Amino acid sequence: MKFIYSIISLFILSSCVGGKDLNYTSLSNGEEITDATSTVLDHQPWDDLLKRHVDDKGFVDYKAFKKDHNALNEYLQYLNNNAPTKATSINEQFAYYINLYNAATVDLILENDMPASIKDISGPLGQVWLVEHVMINDKAYSLAAVEKNVLQKMGDPRIHFAINCASFSCPKLQNTAFTATNLNSLMDKAAEEFINSDKNDLSDVANPRLSKIFDWYKSDFTDTGVTIIEYINKYANSAILKDASISYKDYDWSLNKQ
């Protein structure tokens, strides 16, 4: 019954996600992510906010961030006014949508008085991810729209380590803004840190316990023909066995506050 409910919920969520009108370029079109693309958009205001309010472990001082809420809103308005077009480089697009997702998530937490969990925020069908809170070209979109109809379709599963859902079990919020020039190296850093963090338990190489992220987004990680284990071993400090028996850890949705 739980499995059937999960399938129904996923179908409803997918059917309610918009964002198909947003501009993005897929990696399948042949353009590669590098760290050599010159920066066009200015993400320094977001970088400054992250440096002030996010520690090296990715935990957020939301009370202090609240004092800079106006600066955050100014950055979000800047992104709203400077959305990618079909001519925007893929590095710039990735950086834009990752930063937008993360900044809008922080804003959502601040707007709702820093709840114990992001899931305490109400939304359509009980899903905070469907709240149309993200502004792009003066049109409102949900976090789900940005993730599912833009970032996932761009074709690099490392985005699952780069975007943050304001929860303890999420990959940490990097305290450096993504840019067109640091995109590749910072996504690699995010992947390495998450895979080797306590969000996964790789101590038993025959029976690793993985984050539910690898279960929820399995198709993204295996789309290039590798297995989940092969993908993890690209970044793991100690490789798990190819025939390991995988289980998944419970997901802690409590707020990622300092």
Protein backbone atom coordinates (compact mmCIF):
# COMPACT_ATOMS: atom_id res chain seq x y z
CA MET A 1 0.00 0.00 0.00
CA LYS A 2 2.87 2.40 0.88
CA PHE A 3 4.48 1.68 -2.51
CA ILE A 4 1.20 2.37 -4.35
CA TYR A 5 0.75 5.62 -2.42
CA SER A 6 4.30 6.68 -3.35
CA ILE A 7 3.65 5.99 -7.04
CA ILE A 8 0.37 7.96 -6.96
CA SER A 9 2.07 10.87 -5.16
CA LEU A 10 4.90 10.90 -7.70
CA PHE A 11 2.41 10.93 -10.58
CA ILE A 12 0.45 13.81 -9.04
CA LEU A 13 3.63 15.76 -8.34
CA SER A 14 4.94 15.24 -11.87
CA SER A 15 1.63 16.26 -13.44
CA CYS A 16 1.59 19.52 -11.47
CA VAL A 17 5.15 20.62 -12.27
CA GLY A 18 5.44 23.48 -14.74
CA GLY A 19 8.50 25.16 -16.16
CA LYS A 20 8.55 23.62 -19.62
CA ASP A 21 8.70 27.13 -21.06
CA LEU A 22 12.03 27.91 -19.39
CA ASN A 23 15.23 28.10 -21.43
CA TYR A 24 17.93 25.51 -20.87
CA THR A 25 20.46 23.56 -22.92
CA SER A 26 20.87 19.82 -22.51
CA LEU A 27 24.28 18.16 -22.36
CA SER A 28 23.00 15.79 -25.03
CA ASN A 29 23.35 18.67 -27.46
CA GLY A 30 27.10 18.22 -27.32
CA GLU A 31 28.22 21.17 -25.22
CA GLU A 32 30.53 20.15 -22.38
CA ILE A 33 30.81 21.65 -18.92
CA THR A 34 34.25 23.16 -18.35
CA ASP A 35 35.76 25.66 -15.95
CA ALA A 36 36.96 27.92 -18.76
CA THR A 37 33.75 29.78 -19.57
CA SER A 38 33.84 33.49 -18.77
CA THR A 39 31.27 34.72 -16.27
CA VAL A 40 28.45 36.93 -17.55
CA LEU A 41 26.06 37.14 -14.60
CA ASP A 42 27.21 38.61 -11.28
CA HIS A 43 26.65 36.11 -8.46
CA GLN A 44 28.92 37.97 -6.02
CA PRO A 45 25.98 39.26 -3.89
CA TRP A 46 24.86 35.66 -3.30
CA ASP A 47 28.45 34.60 -2.61
CA ASP A 48 28.76 37.37 0.00
CA LEU A 49 25.56 36.24 1.72
CA LEU A 50 26.68 32.63 1.77
CA LYS A 51 30.08 33.55 3.20
CA ARG A 52 28.38 35.50 6.02
CA HIS A 53 25.65 33.07 6.98
CA VAL A 54 26.65 29.51 5.99
CA ASP A 55 29.43 27.61 7.75
CA ASP A 56 31.85 25.12 6.24
CA LYS A 57 29.52 22.23 7.11
CA GLY A 58 26.67 23.83 5.16
CA PHE A 59 24.57 24.82 8.17
CA VAL A 60 22.75 28.15 7.95
CA ASP A 61 22.43 30.92 10.50
CA TYR A 62 18.87 31.78 9.47
CA LYS A 63 18.38 34.37 12.23
CA ALA A 64 21.36 36.37 10.97
CA PHE A 65 20.30 35.76 7.36
CA LYS A 66 16.95 37.34 8.19
CA LYS A 67 18.74 40.64 8.78
CA ASP A 68 20.05 40.42 5.20
CA HIS A 69 16.69 39.45 3.74
CA ASN A 70 16.51 42.62 1.67
CA ALA A 71 19.89 41.85 0.10
CA LEU A 72 18.68 38.32 -0.69
CA ASN A 73 15.54 39.69 -2.31
CA GLU A 74 17.62 42.11 -4.39
CA TYR A 75 19.70 39.19 -5.67
CA LEU A 76 16.59 37.17 -6.48
CA GLN A 77 15.18 40.18 -8.35
CA TYR A 78 18.46 40.40 -10.29
CA LEU A 79 18.05 36.74 -11.31
CA ASN A 80 14.42 37.37 -12.21
CA ASN A 81 15.51 40.18 -14.54
CA ASN A 82 18.43 38.26 -16.09
CA ALA A 83 17.06 34.82 -16.92
CA PRO A 84 18.95 32.59 -19.39
CA THR A 85 18.07 32.67 -23.05
CA LYS A 86 18.70 30.08 -25.73
CA ALA A 87 22.01 31.84 -26.42
CA THR A 88 23.27 31.54 -22.83
CA SER A 89 26.20 29.15 -22.34
CA ILE A 90 25.44 25.89 -20.55
CA ASN A 91 27.84 26.78 -17.73
CA GLU A 92 26.00 30.03 -17.17
CA GLN A 93 22.63 28.25 -17.25
CA PHE A 94 23.68 25.65 -14.67
CA ALA A 95 25.11 28.32 -12.35
CA TYR A 96 21.98 30.45 -12.73
CA TYR A 97 19.47 27.70 -11.94
CA ILE A 98 21.49 26.16 -9.08
CA ASN A 99 21.94 29.53 -7.37
CA LEU A 100 18.31 30.43 -8.04
CA TYR A 101 17.08 27.18 -6.49
CA ASN A 102 19.26 27.58 -3.40
CA ALA A 103 18.57 31.29 -2.90
CA ALA A 104 14.81 30.82 -3.39
CA THR A 105 14.84 27.97 -0.85
CA VAL A 106 16.53 30.16 1.76
CA ASP A 107 14.00 32.89 0.98
CA LEU A 108 11.13 30.42 1.42
CA ILE A 109 12.45 29.47 4.86
CA LEU A 110 12.81 33.12 5.89
CA GLU A 111 9.37 34.05 4.54
CA ASN A 112 7.83 31.30 6.66
CA ASP A 113 9.55 32.24 9.95
CA MET A 114 12.13 29.46 9.92
CA PRO A 115 9.97 26.36 10.56
CA ALA A 116 11.36 23.20 12.15
CA SER A 117 11.24 21.58 8.72
CA ILE A 118 10.71 22.84 5.19
CA LYS A 119 7.98 20.23 4.92
CA ASP A 120 6.00 22.16 7.54
CA ILE A 121 5.36 24.81 4.88
CA SER A 122 2.01 24.23 3.21
CA GLY A 123 1.60 24.01 -0.53
CA PRO A 124 -0.58 22.57 -3.29
CA LEU A 125 -1.44 18.92 -2.54
CA GLY A 126 0.53 19.35 0.70
CA GLN A 127 3.78 19.78 -1.25
CA VAL A 128 6.00 22.75 -0.45
CA TRP A 129 7.89 21.95 -3.67
CA LEU A 130 4.80 23.03 -5.65
CA VAL A 131 4.57 26.51 -4.13
CA GLU A 132 5.05 28.99 -6.98
CA HIS A 133 7.66 31.01 -5.18
CA VAL A 134 10.47 31.34 -7.74
CA MET A 135 10.32 34.35 -10.07
CA ILE A 136 11.84 34.12 -13.57
CA ASN A 137 11.03 36.82 -16.13
CA ASP A 138 8.26 38.00 -13.79
CA LYS A 139 6.54 34.64 -13.90
CA ALA A 140 6.18 32.42 -10.81
CA TYR A 141 7.48 28.85 -10.80
CA SER A 142 7.88 26.18 -8.13
CA LEU A 143 11.10 24.64 -6.85
CA ALA A 144 9.90 21.40 -8.42
CA ALA A 145 9.63 23.11 -11.80
CA VAL A 146 13.21 24.37 -11.61
CA GLU A 147 14.53 20.99 -10.50
CA LYS A 148 12.51 18.58 -12.61
CA ASN A 149 11.88 20.53 -15.80
CA VAL A 150 15.21 22.36 -15.99
CA LEU A 151 18.12 21.08 -13.91
CA GLN A 152 17.39 17.35 -14.22
CA LYS A 153 16.79 17.69 -17.94
CA MET A 154 20.09 19.48 -18.43
CA GLY A 155 21.68 16.08 -17.94
CA ASP A 156 24.27 16.16 -15.14
CA PRO A 157 23.32 14.24 -11.97
CA ARG A 158 25.80 16.25 -9.90
CA ILE A 159 23.07 18.86 -9.59
CA HIS A 160 21.57 16.64 -6.87
CA PHE A 161 24.63 17.46 -4.73
CA ALA A 162 24.62 21.15 -5.67
CA ILE A 163 21.03 22.10 -4.81
CA ASN A 164 19.95 22.23 -1.20
CA CYS A 165 16.50 21.55 0.28
CA ALA A 166 17.18 23.23 3.65
CA SER A 167 17.21 19.90 5.47
CA PHE A 168 19.75 17.99 7.52
CA SER A 169 19.98 15.01 5.17
CA CYS A 170 20.35 17.15 2.05
CA PRO A 171 23.73 17.74 0.44
CA LYS A 172 25.18 20.74 2.23
CA LEU A 173 24.57 24.28 1.06
CA GLN A 174 27.92 25.36 -0.38
CA ASN A 175 29.11 28.69 1.03
CA THR A 176 30.41 29.63 -2.40
CA ALA A 177 28.14 30.75 -5.23
CA PHE A 178 28.21 28.72 -8.43
CA THR A 179 29.53 30.61 -11.44
CA ALA A 180 30.22 29.77 -15.05
CA THR A 181 33.92 29.59 -14.22
CA ASN A 182 33.83 27.40 -11.10
CA LEU A 183 30.88 25.22 -12.08
CA ASN A 184 32.66 21.96 -12.87
CA SER A 185 35.07 22.03 -9.96
CA LEU A 186 32.42 23.11 -7.44
CA MET A 187 29.97 20.41 -8.55
CA ASP A 188 32.77 17.84 -8.19
CA LYS A 189 33.53 19.19 -4.72
CA ALA A 190 29.84 18.95 -3.77
CA ALA A 191 29.67 15.36 -5.03
CA GLU A 192 32.81 14.27 -3.19
CA GLU A 193 31.77 15.92 0.05
CA PHE A 194 28.28 14.46 0.03
CA ILE A 195 29.24 10.93 -0.92
CA ASN A 196 31.94 10.79 1.77
CA SER A 197 29.83 12.51 4.43
CA ASP A 198 27.73 10.96 7.19
CA LYS A 199 24.72 11.26 4.87
CA ASN A 200 26.00 7.91 3.54
CA ASP A 201 27.62 5.05 5.44
CA LEU A 202 30.27 3.42 3.26
CA SER A 203 32.18 1.81 6.16
CA ASP A 204 30.89 -1.66 5.28
CA VAL A 205 31.96 -1.98 1.64
CA ALA A 206 29.73 -5.05 1.20
CA ASN A 207 26.63 -3.48 2.77
CA PRO A 208 26.70 0.29 2.28
CA ARG A 209 23.82 2.44 3.53
CA LEU A 210 23.16 5.22 1.07
CA SER A 211 21.20 8.45 1.09
CA LYS A 212 17.66 8.16 -0.24
CA ILE A 213 18.76 10.60 -2.94
CA PHE A 214 20.35 7.67 -4.75
CA ASP A 215 17.03 5.84 -4.60
CA TRP A 216 14.76 8.76 -5.55
CA TYR A 217 16.94 9.82 -8.50
CA LYS A 218 18.43 6.50 -9.50
CA SER A 219 17.63 6.95 -13.19
CA ASP A 220 19.61 10.22 -13.28
CA PHE A 221 22.73 8.55 -11.87
CA THR A 222 22.50 5.48 -14.10
CA ASP A 223 21.44 7.25 -17.31
CA THR A 224 24.94 7.00 -18.82
CA GLY A 225 25.04 3.22 -18.37
CA VAL A 226 26.83 3.04 -15.00
CA THR A 227 25.39 1.44 -11.88
CA ILE A 228 24.74 3.37 -8.67
CA ILE A 229 27.78 1.66 -7.15
CA GLU A 230 29.98 2.60 -10.10
CA TYR A 231 28.81 6.20 -9.88
CA ILE A 232 29.51 6.41 -6.14
CA ASN A 233 32.94 4.86 -6.54
CA LYS A 234 33.98 7.71 -8.84
CA TYR A 235 33.95 9.96 -5.77
CA ALA A 236 34.21 7.63 -2.75
CA ASN A 237 37.39 7.72 -0.67
CA SER A 238 37.08 3.95 -0.26
CA ALA A 239 35.38 2.01 -3.03
CA ILE A 240 32.44 -0.19 -2.16
CA LEU A 241 32.19 -3.67 -3.68
CA LYS A 242 30.66 -3.99 -7.15
CA ASP A 243 28.22 -6.62 -5.87
CA ALA A 244 27.47 -4.82 -2.59
CA SER A 245 24.01 -5.08 -1.04
CA ILE A 246 22.61 -1.54 -0.86
CA SER A 247 20.18 -0.23 1.71
CA TYR A 248 19.02 3.34 2.28
CA LYS A 249 19.17 5.57 5.35
CA ASP A 250 16.14 7.37 6.77
CA TYR A 251 15.92 10.95 5.55
CA ASP A 252 16.05 13.69 8.18
CA TRP A 253 13.95 16.67 7.05
CA SER A 254 14.78 18.87 10.06
CA LEU A 255 15.97 22.37 9.20
CA ASN A 256 19.68 22.73 8.38
CA LYS A 257 20.15 25.52 10.88
CA GLN A 258 23.26 26.34 12.89
